[in-house]
Amino acid sequence: MAFDQGLAERVRGHLSDREGVVEKKMFGGLAFMIDGNMCCGVMRDMLMVRVGPDAYDDVLARPHTRPMDFTGRPVKSMVYVDGEGLKTDEELSAWIERAAAFVGTLPAK
């Protein structure tokens, strides 16, 4: 499955100054790990965002989001944000920062 190379490059640029970032191809897309924990990724033309289980319902109430359900079952700590919610660098940055903040609460792997 292909993923949006332009979106991947935008995410890559945003995370370029962080320590511990590794890219991995998974789920048919590209995942960005911080200290061994998945933070966010690109799947087709959507951003996968790890928000954690406590913020999950609140995040799903926002525009342009839906459950991450590539297996047919929602992952209760991750959402997809479609391209309409990522048009500006500020929108993309806010989602990446949200994911990085949550991942920062997890122990490094």
PDB file of N, CA and C in Angstrom:
ATOM      1  N   MET A   1       0.854  -1.182   0.000  1.00  0.00           N
ATOM      2  CA  MET A   1       0.000   0.000   0.000  1.00  0.00           C
ATOM      3  C   MET A   1       0.896   1.241   0.000  1.00  0.00           C
ATOM      4  N   ALA A   2       0.608   2.174  -0.836  1.00  0.00           N
ATOM      5  CA  ALA A   2       1.397   3.397  -0.943  1.00  0.00           C
ATOM      6  C   ALA A   2       0.973   4.402   0.117  1.00  0.00           C
ATOM      7  N   PHE A   3       1.895   5.287   0.443  1.00  0.00           N
ATOM      8  CA  PHE A   3       1.566   6.371   1.354  1.00  0.00           C
ATOM      9  C   PHE A   3       2.025   7.685   0.731  1.00  0.00           C
ATOM     10  N   ASP A   4       1.422   8.758   1.164  1.00  0.00           N
ATOM     11  CA  ASP A   4       1.673  10.086   0.628  1.00  0.00           C
ATOM     12  C   ASP A   4       3.095  10.528   0.997  1.00  0.00           C
ATOM     13  N   GLN A   5       3.972  10.536   0.005  1.00  0.00           N
ATOM     14  CA  GLN A   5       5.371  10.902   0.235  1.00  0.00           C
ATOM     15  C   GLN A   5       5.508  12.362   0.679  1.00  0.00           C
ATOM     16  N   GLY A   6       4.651  13.224   0.155  1.00  0.00           N
ATOM     17  CA  GLY A   6       4.698  14.637   0.544  1.00  0.00           C
ATOM     18  C   GLY A   6       4.349  14.832   2.008  1.00  0.00           C
ATOM     19  N   LEU A   7       3.317  14.130   2.467  1.00  0.00           N
ATOM     20  CA  LEU A   7       2.949  14.208   3.876  1.00  0.00           C
ATOM     21  C   LEU A   7       4.055  13.616   4.736  1.00  0.00           C
ATOM     22  N   ALA A   8       4.631  12.503   4.306  1.00  0.00           N
ATOM     23  CA  ALA A   8       5.740  11.896   5.053  1.00  0.00           C
ATOM     24  C   ALA A   8       6.903  12.878   5.177  1.00  0.00           C
ATOM     25  N   GLU A   9       7.191  13.590   4.111  1.00  0.00           N
ATOM     26  CA  GLU A   9       8.287  14.568   4.143  1.00  0.00           C
ATOM     27  C   GLU A   9       7.971  15.718   5.102  1.00  0.00           C
ATOM     28  N   ARG A  10       6.728  16.149   5.136  1.00  0.00           N
ATOM     29  CA  ARG A  10       6.332  17.201   6.083  1.00  0.00           C
ATOM     30  C   ARG A  10       6.494  16.735   7.524  1.00  0.00           C
ATOM     31  N   VAL A  11       6.073  15.498   7.803  1.00  0.00           N
ATOM     32  CA  VAL A  11       6.229  14.945   9.157  1.00  0.00           C
ATOM     33  C   VAL A  11       7.716  14.825   9.482  1.00  0.00           C
ATOM     34  N   ARG A  12       8.467  14.292   8.562  1.00  0.00           N
ATOM     35  CA  ARG A  12       9.920  14.124   8.738  1.00  0.00           C
ATOM     36  C   ARG A  12      10.575  15.467   9.079  1.00  0.00           C
ATOM     37  N   GLY A  13      10.197  16.506   8.353  1.00  0.00           N
ATOM     38  CA  GLY A  13      10.748  17.828   8.615  1.00  0.00           C
ATOM     39  C   GLY A  13      10.413  18.328  10.008  1.00  0.00           C
ATOM     40  N   HIS A  14       9.203  18.061  10.439  1.00  0.00           N
ATOM     41  CA  HIS A  14       8.790  18.506  11.773  1.00  0.00           C
ATOM     42  C   HIS A  14       9.549  17.777  12.872  1.00  0.00           C
ATOM     43  N   LEU A  15       9.842  16.503  12.661  1.00  0.00           N
ATOM     44  CA  LEU A  15      10.502  15.700  13.692  1.00  0.00           C
ATOM     45  C   LEU A  15      12.027  15.711  13.582  1.00  0.00           C
ATOM     46  N   SER A  16      12.571  16.396  12.603  1.00  0.00           N
ATOM     47  CA  SER A  16      14.005  16.309  12.318  1.00  0.00           C
ATOM     48  C   SER A  16      14.904  16.784  13.454  1.00  0.00           C
ATOM     49  N   ASP A  17      14.428  17.660  14.299  1.00  0.00           N
ATOM     50  CA  ASP A  17      15.278  18.166  15.376  1.00  0.00           C
ATOM     51  C   ASP A  17      15.118  17.394  16.692  1.00  0.00           C
ATOM     52  N   ARG A  18      14.316  16.346  16.688  1.00  0.00           N
ATOM     53  CA  ARG A  18      14.102  15.553  17.901  1.00  0.00           C
ATOM     54  C   ARG A  18      15.099  14.397  17.983  1.00  0.00           C
ATOM     55  N   GLU A  19      15.501  14.097  19.184  1.00  0.00           N
ATOM     56  CA  GLU A  19      16.355  12.939  19.441  1.00  0.00           C
ATOM     57  C   GLU A  19      15.500  11.680  19.450  1.00  0.00           C
ATOM     58  N   GLY A  20      16.079  10.569  19.066  1.00  0.00           N
ATOM     59  CA  GLY A  20      15.425   9.272  19.201  1.00  0.00           C
ATOM     60  C   GLY A  20      14.356   8.963  18.180  1.00  0.00           C
ATOM     61  N   VAL A  21      14.290   9.691  17.068  1.00  0.00           N
ATOM     62  CA  VAL A  21      13.272   9.445  16.047  1.00  0.00           C
ATOM     63  C   VAL A  21      13.792   8.430  15.040  1.00  0.00           C
ATOM     64  N   VAL A  22      12.972   7.416  14.786  1.00  0.00           N
ATOM     65  CA  VAL A  22      13.294   6.382  13.803  1.00  0.00           C
ATOM     66  C   VAL A  22      12.053   6.174  12.945  1.00  0.00           C
ATOM     67  N   GLU A  23      12.262   5.997  11.658  1.00  0.00           N
ATOM     68  CA  GLU A  23      11.169   5.697  10.731  1.00  0.00           C
ATOM     69  C   GLU A  23      11.125   4.198  10.480  1.00  0.00           C
ATOM     70  N   LYS A  24       9.921   3.650  10.438  1.00  0.00           N
ATOM     71  CA  LYS A  24       9.738   2.233  10.131  1.00  0.00           C
ATOM     72  C   LYS A  24       8.543   2.062   9.216  1.00  0.00           C
ATOM     73  N   LYS A  25       8.719   1.254   8.188  1.00  0.00           N
ATOM     74  CA  LYS A  25       7.581   0.919   7.352  1.00  0.00           C
ATOM     75  C   LYS A  25       6.757  -0.124   8.085  1.00  0.00           C
ATOM     76  N   MET A  26       5.485   0.176   8.274  1.00  0.00           N
ATOM     77  CA  MET A  26       4.563  -0.757   8.923  1.00  0.00           C
ATOM     78  C   MET A  26       3.136  -0.378   8.580  1.00  0.00           C
ATOM     79  N   PHE A  27       2.251  -1.324   8.709  1.00  0.00           N
ATOM     80  CA  PHE A  27       0.824  -1.124   8.416  1.00  0.00           C
ATOM     81  C   PHE A  27       0.610  -0.683   6.967  1.00  0.00           C
ATOM     82  N   GLY A  28       1.548  -0.944   6.096  1.00  0.00           N
ATOM     83  CA  GLY A  28       1.431  -0.494   4.718  1.00  0.00           C
ATOM     84  C   GLY A  28       1.719   0.981   4.563  1.00  0.00           C
ATOM     85  N   GLY A  29       2.237   1.599   5.605  1.00  0.00           N
ATOM     86  CA  GLY A  29       2.570   3.024   5.586  1.00  0.00           C
ATOM     87  C   GLY A  29       3.927   3.241   6.208  1.00  0.00           C
ATOM     88  N   LEU A  30       4.122   4.417   6.763  1.00  0.00           N
ATOM     89  CA  LEU A  30       5.378   4.787   7.391  1.00  0.00           C
ATOM     90  C   LEU A  30       5.087   5.273   8.793  1.00  0.00           C
ATOM     91  N   ALA A  31       5.734   4.664   9.778  1.00  0.00           N
ATOM     92  CA  ALA A  31       5.552   5.057  11.172  1.00  0.00           C
ATOM     93  C   ALA A  31       6.788   5.804  11.657  1.00  0.00           C
ATOM     94  N   PHE A  32       6.563   6.766  12.529  1.00  0.00           N
ATOM     95  CA  PHE A  32       7.639   7.522  13.155  1.00  0.00           C
ATOM     96  C   PHE A  32       7.645   7.156  14.630  1.00  0.00           C
ATOM     97  N   MET A  33       8.772   6.617  15.071  1.00  0.00           N
ATOM     98  CA  MET A  33       8.930   6.171  16.445  1.00  0.00           C
ATOM     99  C   MET A  33       9.784   7.198  17.189  1.00  0.00           C
ATOM    100  N   ILE A  34       9.470   7.405  18.452  1.00  0.00           N
ATOM    101  CA  ILE A  34      10.314   8.219  19.329  1.00  0.00           C
ATOM    102  C   ILE A  34      10.690   7.345  20.504  1.00  0.00           C
ATOM    103  N   ASP A  35      11.989   7.138  20.678  1.00  0.00           N
ATOM    104  CA  ASP A  35      12.515   6.276  21.747  1.00  0.00           C
ATOM    105  C   ASP A  35      11.855   4.906  21.745  1.00  0.00           C
ATOM    106  N   GLY A  36      11.586   4.381  20.553  1.00  0.00           N
ATOM    107  CA  GLY A  36      11.036   3.043  20.408  1.00  0.00           C
ATOM    108  C   GLY A  36       9.523   2.945  20.483  1.00  0.00           C
ATOM    109  N   ASN A  37       8.839   4.037  20.742  1.00  0.00           N
ATOM    110  CA  ASN A  37       7.379   4.054  20.824  1.00  0.00           C
ATOM    111  C   ASN A  37       6.793   4.739  19.594  1.00  0.00           C
ATOM    112  N   MET A  38       5.757   4.128  18.997  1.00  0.00           N
ATOM    113  CA  MET A  38       5.130   4.750  17.843  1.00  0.00           C
ATOM    114  C   MET A  38       4.485   6.064  18.266  1.00  0.00           C
ATOM    115  N   CYS A  39       4.799   7.095  17.519  1.00  0.00           N
ATOM    116  CA  CYS A  39       4.273   8.438  17.779  1.00  0.00           C
ATOM    117  C   CYS A  39       3.189   8.780  16.768  1.00  0.00           C
ATOM    118  N   CYS A  40       3.538   8.703  15.500  1.00  0.00           N
ATOM    119  CA  CYS A  40       2.616   9.049  14.433  1.00  0.00           C
ATOM    120  C   CYS A  40       3.083   8.354  13.166  1.00  0.00           C
ATOM    121  N   GLY A  41       2.322   8.509  12.109  1.00  0.00           N
ATOM    122  CA  GLY A  41       2.718   7.896  10.860  1.00  0.00           C
ATOM    123  C   GLY A  41       1.844   8.365   9.719  1.00  0.00           C
ATOM    124  N   VAL A  42       2.180   7.887   8.546  1.00  0.00           N
ATOM    125  CA  VAL A  42       1.445   8.237   7.343  1.00  0.00           C
ATOM    126  C   VAL A  42       0.898   6.954   6.734  1.00  0.00           C
ATOM    127  N   MET A  43      -0.394   6.929   6.524  1.00  0.00           N
ATOM    128  CA  MET A  43      -1.093   5.804   5.918  1.00  0.00           C
ATOM    129  C   MET A  43      -1.917   6.360   4.778  1.00  0.00           C
ATOM    130  N   ARG A  44      -1.591   5.972   3.550  1.00  0.00           N
ATOM    131  CA  ARG A  44      -2.204   6.576   2.363  1.00  0.00           C
ATOM    132  C   ARG A  44      -2.034   8.097   2.446  1.00  0.00           C
ATOM    133  N   ASP A  45      -3.128   8.845   2.533  1.00  0.00           N
ATOM    134  CA  ASP A  45      -3.017  10.305   2.616  1.00  0.00           C
ATOM    135  C   ASP A  45      -3.464  10.824   3.982  1.00  0.00           C
ATOM    136  N   MET A  46      -3.404   9.946   4.989  1.00  0.00           N
ATOM    137  CA  MET A  46      -3.833  10.312   6.337  1.00  0.00           C
ATOM    138  C   MET A  46      -2.654  10.263   7.305  1.00  0.00           C
ATOM    139  N   LEU A  47      -2.780  11.037   8.365  1.00  0.00           N
ATOM    140  CA  LEU A  47      -1.815  10.994   9.452  1.00  0.00           C
ATOM    141  C   LEU A  47      -2.374  10.090  10.540  1.00  0.00           C
ATOM    142  N   MET A  48      -1.576   9.114  10.975  1.00  0.00           N
ATOM    143  CA  MET A  48      -1.923   8.310  12.151  1.00  0.00           C
ATOM    144  C   MET A  48      -1.346   9.057  13.355  1.00  0.00           C
ATOM    145  N   VAL A  49      -2.141   9.240  14.378  1.00  0.00           N
ATOM    146  CA  VAL A  49      -1.703   9.998  15.542  1.00  0.00           C
ATOM    147  C   VAL A  49      -1.980   9.181  16.802  1.00  0.00           C
ATOM    148  N   ARG A  50      -0.948   8.996  17.602  1.00  0.00           N
ATOM    149  CA  ARG A  50      -1.121   8.290  18.873  1.00  0.00           C
ATOM    150  C   ARG A  50      -1.478   9.323  19.934  1.00  0.00           C
ATOM    151  N   VAL A  51      -2.679   9.240  20.445  1.00  0.00           N
ATOM    152  CA  VAL A  51      -3.175  10.233  21.404  1.00  0.00           C
ATOM    153  C   VAL A  51      -3.344   9.659  22.805  1.00  0.00           C
ATOM    154  N   GLY A  52      -3.304   8.350  22.931  1.00  0.00           N
ATOM    155  CA  GLY A  52      -3.506   7.714  24.226  1.00  0.00           C
ATOM    156  C   GLY A  52      -4.972   7.445  24.485  1.00  0.00           C
ATOM    157  N   PRO A  53      -5.252   6.477  25.336  1.00  0.00           N
ATOM    158  CA  PRO A  53      -6.646   6.090  25.583  1.00  0.00           C
ATOM    159  C   PRO A  53      -7.469   7.161  26.303  1.00  0.00           C
ATOM    160  N   ASP A  54      -6.846   7.969  27.149  1.00  0.00           N
ATOM    161  CA  ASP A  54      -7.607   8.975  27.900  1.00  0.00           C
ATOM    162  C   ASP A  54      -8.117  10.106  27.013  1.00  0.00           C
ATOM    163  N   ALA A  55      -7.373  10.457  25.961  1.00  0.00           N
ATOM    164  CA  ALA A  55      -7.769  11.562  25.078  1.00  0.00           C
ATOM    165  C   ALA A  55      -8.547  11.083  23.858  1.00  0.00           C
ATOM    166  N   TYR A  56      -8.657   9.789  23.681  1.00  0.00           N
ATOM    167  CA  TYR A  56      -9.216   9.207  22.466  1.00  0.00           C
ATOM    168  C   TYR A  56     -10.598   9.765  22.105  1.00  0.00           C
ATOM    169  N   ASP A  57     -11.546   9.713  23.008  1.00  0.00           N
ATOM    170  CA  ASP A  57     -12.913  10.164  22.713  1.00  0.00           C
ATOM    171  C   ASP A  57     -12.962  11.658  22.404  1.00  0.00           C
ATOM    172  N   ASP A  58     -12.206  12.465  23.149  1.00  0.00           N
ATOM    173  CA  ASP A  58     -12.180  13.903  22.893  1.00  0.00           C
ATOM    174  C   ASP A  58     -11.604  14.210  21.518  1.00  0.00           C
ATOM    175  N   VAL A  59     -10.561  13.509  21.151  1.00  0.00           N
ATOM    176  CA  VAL A  59      -9.933  13.744  19.848  1.00  0.00           C
ATOM    177  C   VAL A  59     -10.886  13.349  18.719  1.00  0.00           C
ATOM    178  N   LEU A  60     -11.605  12.259  18.891  1.00  0.00           N
ATOM    179  CA  LEU A  60     -12.543  11.830  17.845  1.00  0.00           C
ATOM    180  C   LEU A  60     -13.692  12.816  17.631  1.00  0.00           C
ATOM    181  N   ALA A  61     -13.933  13.677  18.585  1.00  0.00           N
ATOM    182  CA  ALA A  61     -14.983  14.692  18.432  1.00  0.00           C
ATOM    183  C   ALA A  61     -14.508  15.852  17.557  1.00  0.00           C
ATOM    184  N   ARG A  62     -13.234  15.905  17.234  1.00  0.00           N
ATOM    185  CA  ARG A  62     -12.684  16.986  16.398  1.00  0.00           C
ATOM    186  C   ARG A  62     -12.937  16.702  14.922  1.00  0.00           C
ATOM    187  N   PRO A  63     -12.988  17.759  14.133  1.00  0.00           N
ATOM    188  CA  PRO A  63     -13.185  17.566  12.689  1.00  0.00           C
ATOM    189  C   PRO A  63     -12.023  16.812  12.050  1.00  0.00           C
ATOM    190  N   HIS A  64     -12.329  16.083  11.005  1.00  0.00           N
ATOM    191  CA  HIS A  64     -11.340  15.396  10.165  1.00  0.00           C
ATOM    192  C   HIS A  64     -10.649  14.224  10.850  1.00  0.00           C
ATOM    193  N   THR A  65     -11.219  13.702  11.923  1.00  0.00           N
ATOM    194  CA  THR A  65     -10.625  12.544  12.596  1.00  0.00           C
ATOM    195  C   THR A  65     -11.575  11.358  12.516  1.00  0.00           C
ATOM    196  N   ARG A  66     -10.983  10.182  12.625  1.00  0.00           N
ATOM    197  CA  ARG A  66     -11.768   8.951  12.714  1.00  0.00           C
ATOM    198  C   ARG A  66     -10.903   7.905  13.386  1.00  0.00           C
ATOM    199  N   PRO A  67     -11.517   6.845  13.892  1.00  0.00           N
ATOM    200  CA  PRO A  67     -10.731   5.811  14.558  1.00  0.00           C
ATOM    201  C   PRO A  67      -9.722   5.170  13.604  1.00  0.00           C
ATOM    202  N   MET A  68      -8.570   4.831  14.122  1.00  0.00           N
ATOM    203  CA  MET A  68      -7.608   4.050  13.354  1.00  0.00           C
ATOM    204  C   MET A  68      -8.096   2.609  13.431  1.00  0.00           C
ATOM    205  N   ASP A  69      -8.503   2.079  12.291  1.00  0.00           N
ATOM    206  CA  ASP A  69      -9.142   0.766  12.279  1.00  0.00           C
ATOM    207  C   ASP A  69      -8.705  -0.076  11.086  1.00  0.00           C
ATOM    208  N   PHE A  70      -7.433  -0.054  10.772  1.00  0.00           N
ATOM    209  CA  PHE A  70      -6.971  -0.750   9.573  1.00  0.00           C
ATOM    210  C   PHE A  70      -7.186  -2.253   9.635  1.00  0.00           C
ATOM    211  N   THR A  71      -7.373  -2.810  10.818  1.00  0.00           N
ATOM    212  CA  THR A  71      -7.638  -4.247  10.945  1.00  0.00           C
ATOM    213  C   THR A  71      -9.133  -4.538  11.011  1.00  0.00           C
ATOM    214  N   GLY A  72      -9.950  -3.500  10.971  1.00  0.00           N
ATOM    215  CA  GLY A  72     -11.387  -3.672  11.123  1.00  0.00           C
ATOM    216  C   GLY A  72     -11.857  -3.411  12.540  1.00  0.00           C
ATOM    217  N   ARG A  73     -10.902  -3.296  13.465  1.00  0.00           N
ATOM    218  CA  ARG A  73     -11.232  -2.984  14.860  1.00  0.00           C
ATOM    219  C   ARG A  73     -10.468  -1.721  15.260  1.00  0.00           C
ATOM    220  N   PRO A  74     -11.122  -0.767  15.894  1.00  0.00           N
ATOM    221  CA  PRO A  74     -10.438   0.464  16.282  1.00  0.00           C
ATOM    222  C   PRO A  74      -9.327   0.216  17.301  1.00  0.00           C
ATOM    223  N   VAL A  75      -8.257   0.950  17.146  1.00  0.00           N
ATOM    224  CA  VAL A  75      -7.173   0.967  18.129  1.00  0.00           C
ATOM    225  C   VAL A  75      -7.497   2.132  19.062  1.00  0.00           C
ATOM    226  N   LYS A  76      -7.765   1.846  20.314  1.00  0.00           N
ATOM    227  CA  LYS A  76      -8.338   2.833  21.240  1.00  0.00           C
ATOM    228  C   LYS A  76      -7.370   3.917  21.714  1.00  0.00           C
ATOM    229  N   SER A  77      -6.219   4.032  21.104  1.00  0.00           N
ATOM    230  CA  SER A  77      -5.309   5.113  21.479  1.00  0.00           C
ATOM    231  C   SER A  77      -4.762   5.845  20.258  1.00  0.00           C
ATOM    232  N   MET A  78      -5.259   5.469  19.064  1.00  0.00           N
ATOM    233  CA  MET A  78      -4.772   6.085  17.840  1.00  0.00           C
ATOM    234  C   MET A  78      -5.930   6.492  16.941  1.00  0.00           C
ATOM    235  N   VAL A  79      -5.726   7.585  16.221  1.00  0.00           N
ATOM    236  CA  VAL A  79      -6.731   8.072  15.284  1.00  0.00           C
ATOM    237  C   VAL A  79      -6.072   8.383  13.946  1.00  0.00           C
ATOM    238  N   TYR A  80      -6.904   8.466  12.921  1.00  0.00           N
ATOM    239  CA  TYR A  80      -6.490   8.983  11.632  1.00  0.00           C
ATOM    240  C   TYR A  80      -6.961  10.430  11.547  1.00  0.00           C
ATOM    241  N   VAL A  81      -6.130  11.272  10.967  1.00  0.00           N
ATOM    242  CA  VAL A  81      -6.528  12.639  10.627  1.00  0.00           C
ATOM    243  C   VAL A  81      -6.421  12.728   9.110  1.00  0.00           C
ATOM    244  N   ASP A  82      -7.516  13.087   8.453  1.00  0.00           N
ATOM    245  CA  ASP A  82      -7.479  13.137   6.993  1.00  0.00           C
ATOM    246  C   ASP A  82      -6.828  14.428   6.503  1.00  0.00           C
ATOM    247  N   GLY A  83      -6.553  14.471   5.222  1.00  0.00           N
ATOM    248  CA  GLY A  83      -5.835  15.584   4.623  1.00  0.00           C
ATOM    249  C   GLY A  83      -6.462  16.943   4.835  1.00  0.00           C
ATOM    250  N   GLU A  84      -7.789  16.987   4.959  1.00  0.00           N
ATOM    251  CA  GLU A  84      -8.469  18.265   5.198  1.00  0.00           C
ATOM    252  C   GLU A  84      -8.050  18.890   6.525  1.00  0.00           C
ATOM    253  N   GLY A  85      -7.639  18.072   7.473  1.00  0.00           N
ATOM    254  CA  GLY A  85      -7.215  18.575   8.781  1.00  0.00           C
ATOM    255  C   GLY A  85      -5.723  18.815   8.881  1.00  0.00           C
ATOM    256  N   LEU A  86      -5.023  18.709   7.740  1.00  0.00           N
ATOM    257  CA  LEU A  86      -3.561  18.824   7.737  1.00  0.00           C
ATOM    258  C   LEU A  86      -3.058  19.809   6.691  1.00  0.00           C
ATOM    259  N   LYS A  87      -3.917  20.681   6.237  1.00  0.00           N
ATOM    260  CA  LYS A  87      -3.552  21.572   5.135  1.00  0.00           C
ATOM    261  C   LYS A  87      -2.432  22.542   5.493  1.00  0.00           C
ATOM    262  N   THR A  88      -2.439  23.048   6.721  1.00  0.00           N
ATOM    263  CA  THR A  88      -1.409  24.016   7.098  1.00  0.00           C
ATOM    264  C   THR A  88      -0.342  23.339   7.958  1.00  0.00           C
ATOM    265  N   ASP A  89       0.827  23.952   7.989  1.00  0.00           N
ATOM    266  CA  ASP A  89       1.893  23.431   8.846  1.00  0.00           C
ATOM    267  C   ASP A  89       1.501  23.509  10.314  1.00  0.00           C
ATOM    268  N   GLU A  90       0.706  24.516  10.669  1.00  0.00           N
ATOM    269  CA  GLU A  90       0.265  24.658  12.059  1.00  0.00           C
ATOM    270  C   GLU A  90      -0.641  23.495  12.467  1.00  0.00           C
ATOM    271  N   GLU A  91      -1.537  23.090  11.568  1.00  0.00           N
ATOM    272  CA  GLU A  91      -2.425  21.961  11.869  1.00  0.00           C
ATOM    273  C   GLU A  91      -1.611  20.677  12.029  1.00  0.00           C
ATOM    274  N   LEU A  92      -0.712  20.430  11.091  1.00  0.00           N
ATOM    275  CA  LEU A  92       0.127  19.235  11.171  1.00  0.00           C
ATOM    276  C   LEU A  92       0.973  19.257  12.437  1.00  0.00           C
ATOM    277  N   SER A  93       1.579  20.384  12.713  1.00  0.00           N
ATOM    278  CA  SER A  93       2.425  20.523  13.897  1.00  0.00           C
ATOM    279  C   SER A  93       1.659  20.229  15.180  1.00  0.00           C
ATOM    280  N   ALA A  94       0.445  20.730  15.278  1.00  0.00           N
ATOM    281  CA  ALA A  94      -0.354  20.509  16.493  1.00  0.00           C
ATOM    282  C   ALA A  94      -0.607  19.023  16.716  1.00  0.00           C
ATOM    283  N   TRP A  95      -0.917  18.286  15.649  1.00  0.00           N
ATOM    284  CA  TRP A  95      -1.152  16.849  15.785  1.00  0.00           C
ATOM    285  C   TRP A  95       0.130  16.103  16.170  1.00  0.00           C
ATOM    286  N   ILE A  96       1.228  16.454  15.536  1.00  0.00           N
ATOM    287  CA  ILE A  96       2.495  15.783  15.852  1.00  0.00           C
ATOM    288  C   ILE A  96       2.913  16.090  17.286  1.00  0.00           C
ATOM    289  N   GLU A  97       2.761  17.326  17.702  1.00  0.00           N
ATOM    290  CA  GLU A  97       3.120  17.692  19.073  1.00  0.00           C
ATOM    291  C   GLU A  97       2.240  16.974  20.086  1.00  0.00           C
ATOM    292  N   ARG A  98       0.971  16.823  19.756  1.00  0.00           N
ATOM    293  CA  ARG A  98       0.064  16.090  20.657  1.00  0.00           C
ATOM    294  C   ARG A  98       0.544  14.649  20.820  1.00  0.00           C
ATOM    295  N   ALA A  99       0.885  14.014  19.699  1.00  0.00           N
ATOM    296  CA  ALA A  99       1.363  12.630  19.745  1.00  0.00           C
ATOM    297  C   ALA A  99       2.691  12.534  20.490  1.00  0.00           C
ATOM    298  N   ALA A 100       3.606  13.443  20.210  1.00  0.00           N
ATOM    299  CA  ALA A 100       4.914  13.415  20.869  1.00  0.00           C
ATOM    300  C   ALA A 100       4.778  13.636  22.384  1.00  0.00           C
ATOM    301  N   ALA A 101       3.854  14.487  22.784  1.00  0.00           N
ATOM    302  CA  ALA A 101       3.622  14.707  24.210  1.00  0.00           C
ATOM    303  C   ALA A 101       3.138  13.435  24.883  1.00  0.00           C
ATOM    304  N   PHE A 102       2.206  12.723  24.229  1.00  0.00           N
ATOM    305  CA  PHE A 102       1.731  11.473  24.827  1.00  0.00           C
ATOM    306  C   PHE A 102       2.869  10.454  24.882  1.00  0.00           C
ATOM    307  N   VAL A 103       3.581  10.284  23.794  1.00  0.00           N
ATOM    308  CA  VAL A 103       4.661   9.292  23.748  1.00  0.00           C
ATOM    309  C   VAL A 103       5.747   9.633  24.775  1.00  0.00           C
ATOM    310  N   GLY A 104       5.920  10.912  25.056  1.00  0.00           N
ATOM    311  CA  GLY A 104       6.894  11.330  26.064  1.00  0.00           C
ATOM    312  C   GLY A 104       6.564  10.845  27.462  1.00  0.00           C
ATOM    313  N   THR A 105       5.316  10.431  27.695  1.00  0.00           N
ATOM    314  CA  THR A 105       4.923   9.908  29.016  1.00  0.00           C
ATOM    315  C   THR A 105       5.228   8.413  29.139  1.00  0.00           C
ATOM    316  N   LEU A 106       5.629   7.785  28.043  1.00  0.00           N
ATOM    317  CA  LEU A 106       5.873   6.337  28.029  1.00  0.00           C
ATOM    318  C   LEU A 106       7.343   6.040  28.249  1.00  0.00           C
ATOM    319  N   PRO A 107       7.669   4.907  28.858  1.00  0.00           N
ATOM    320  CA  PRO A 107       9.079   4.547  29.008  1.00  0.00           C
ATOM    321  C   PRO A 107       9.687   4.214  27.639  1.00  0.00           C
ATOM    322  N   ALA A 108      10.944   4.555  27.471  1.00  0.00           N
ATOM    323  CA  ALA A 108      11.646   4.222  26.225  1.00  0.00           C
ATOM    324  C   ALA A 108      11.754   2.706  26.097  1.00  0.00           C
ATOM    325  N   LYS A 109      11.731   2.249  24.850  1.00  0.00           N
ATOM    326  CA  LYS A 109      11.858   0.812  24.601  1.00  0.00           C
ATOM    327  C   LYS A 109      13.259   0.503  24.113  1.00  0.00           C
TER     328      LYS A 109
END
